[in-house]
């Protein structure tokens, strides 16, 4: 099963996207966007930037969990991963974003 982007509207009225791997697990979540068009632009930025390993910032949370962010060429964070127990898990998450983002379909989910 291929990955997919899902777009949802938050309680704050903003649009958010998530990238789900083929197994349905969320591997990247976006910031909130004021408009649906801006959210779709964020998806396109994810498609492009996820193909460059230098766009991923590997991080460690204060509680010791591992995560990553995906940044655009201007340094803006496009999305953030879930928390992982191990560095290997985080690195697998990065690989999953790279594999799934380029051709993932986009699905708009309604509340």
Protein backbone atom coordinates (compact mmCIF):
# COMPACT_ATOMS: atom_id res chain seq x y z
CA UNK A 1 0.00 0.00 0.00
CA UNK A 2 1.36 3.42 -0.93
CA UNK A 3 1.63 6.37 1.40
CA UNK A 4 -0.83 9.25 1.39
CA UNK A 5 -1.19 12.81 2.56
CA UNK A 6 -4.34 13.56 4.53
CA UNK A 7 -5.58 17.12 4.98
CA UNK A 8 -7.76 17.94 7.96
CA UNK A 9 -9.17 21.09 9.52
CA UNK A 10 -8.27 21.66 13.16
CA UNK A 11 -10.49 23.05 15.88
CA UNK A 12 -8.64 26.32 15.31
CA UNK A 13 -9.96 26.45 11.73
CA UNK A 14 -6.52 25.93 10.22
CA UNK A 15 -5.62 23.27 7.65
CA UNK A 16 -3.11 20.56 8.58
CA UNK A 17 -1.57 17.73 6.63
CA UNK A 18 -0.15 14.41 7.73
CA UNK A 19 1.92 12.01 5.68
CA UNK A 20 0.94 8.43 6.36
CA UNK A 21 3.12 5.48 5.38
CA UNK A 22 1.66 2.50 3.56
CA UNK A 23 0.84 0.87 6.91
CA UNK A 24 -1.27 3.89 7.93
CA UNK A 25 1.23 5.19 10.49
CA UNK A 26 1.71 8.97 10.54
CA UNK A 27 5.36 9.75 9.77
CA UNK A 28 5.15 13.55 9.40
CA UNK A 29 2.71 16.21 10.61
CA UNK A 30 2.54 19.81 9.48
CA UNK A 31 2.07 23.12 11.16
CA UNK A 32 -1.32 24.80 10.85
CA UNK A 33 -2.01 26.72 7.64
CA UNK A 34 -4.44 29.63 7.35
CA UNK A 35 -5.77 28.38 4.00
CA UNK A 36 -6.24 25.10 2.17
CA UNK A 37 -4.09 26.36 -0.72
CA UNK A 38 -1.21 27.11 1.67
CA UNK A 39 -1.55 23.61 3.12
CA UNK A 40 -1.37 22.10 -0.37
CA UNK A 41 1.75 24.20 -1.02
CA UNK A 42 3.21 22.68 2.14
CA UNK A 43 2.56 19.22 0.72
CA UNK A 44 4.38 20.14 -2.49
CA UNK A 45 7.27 21.49 -0.43
CA UNK A 46 7.35 18.19 1.46
CA UNK A 47 7.47 16.24 -1.81
CA UNK A 48 10.44 18.30 -2.99
CA UNK A 49 12.45 18.67 0.22
CA UNK A 50 11.99 15.08 1.41
CA UNK A 51 14.22 13.94 -1.44
CA UNK A 52 17.22 15.83 0.01
CA UNK A 53 18.71 14.17 3.12
CA UNK A 54 20.14 17.55 4.21
CA UNK A 55 16.59 18.87 4.73
CA UNK A 56 16.04 16.52 7.71
CA UNK A 57 17.14 17.66 11.16
CA UNK A 58 17.64 14.79 13.59
CA UNK A 59 16.75 15.81 17.13
CA UNK A 60 16.50 14.45 20.66
CA UNK A 61 13.76 15.62 23.03
CA UNK A 62 14.47 16.51 26.66
CA UNK A 63 12.96 13.17 27.72
CA UNK A 64 15.45 11.28 25.52
CA UNK A 65 13.00 10.41 22.72
CA UNK A 66 14.14 10.87 19.14
CA UNK A 67 12.38 12.83 16.40
CA UNK A 68 13.08 14.80 13.24
CA UNK A 69 11.91 17.87 11.42
CA UNK A 70 11.81 18.50 7.69
CA UNK A 71 12.87 21.99 6.64
CA UNK A 72 12.49 23.96 3.44
CA UNK A 73 15.47 25.59 1.75
CA UNK A 74 14.59 28.85 3.54
CA UNK A 75 14.99 27.09 6.91
CA UNK A 76 11.26 27.02 7.73
CA UNK A 77 10.05 23.81 9.36
CA UNK A 78 7.56 22.05 7.08
CA UNK A 79 6.72 19.16 9.37
CA UNK A 80 7.67 17.21 12.46
CA UNK A 81 7.75 13.49 13.14
CA UNK A 82 6.31 11.50 15.98
CA UNK A 83 8.57 10.57 18.90
CA UNK A 84 10.66 7.43 18.55
CA UNK A 85 12.23 5.28 21.27
CA UNK A 86 15.43 4.70 19.28
CA UNK A 87 17.65 6.52 16.81
CA UNK A 88 17.09 3.62 14.39
CA UNK A 89 13.33 4.17 14.60
CA UNK A 90 13.79 7.87 13.85
CA UNK A 91 16.07 7.09 10.91
CA UNK A 92 13.53 4.60 9.57
CA UNK A 93 10.91 7.37 9.83
CA UNK A 94 13.10 9.68 7.75
CA UNK A 95 13.52 6.95 5.15
CA UNK A 96 9.76 6.43 5.11
CA UNK A 97 9.09 10.12 4.43
CA UNK A 98 11.58 10.05 1.57
CA UNK A 99 9.99 6.94 0.05
CA UNK A 100 6.35 7.92 0.50
CA UNK A 101 6.16 11.69 -0.06
CA UNK A 102 7.09 11.94 -3.73
CA UNK A 103 4.09 10.06 -5.13
CA UNK A 104 1.65 9.94 -2.22
CA UNK A 105 -1.93 10.79 -3.11
CA UNK A 106 -3.68 13.64 -1.31
CA UNK A 107 -6.94 12.97 0.54
CA UNK A 108 -9.01 15.73 2.12
CA UNK A 109 -10.79 14.45 5.20
CA UNK A 110 -13.86 16.21 6.49
CA UNK A 111 -14.86 16.44 10.12
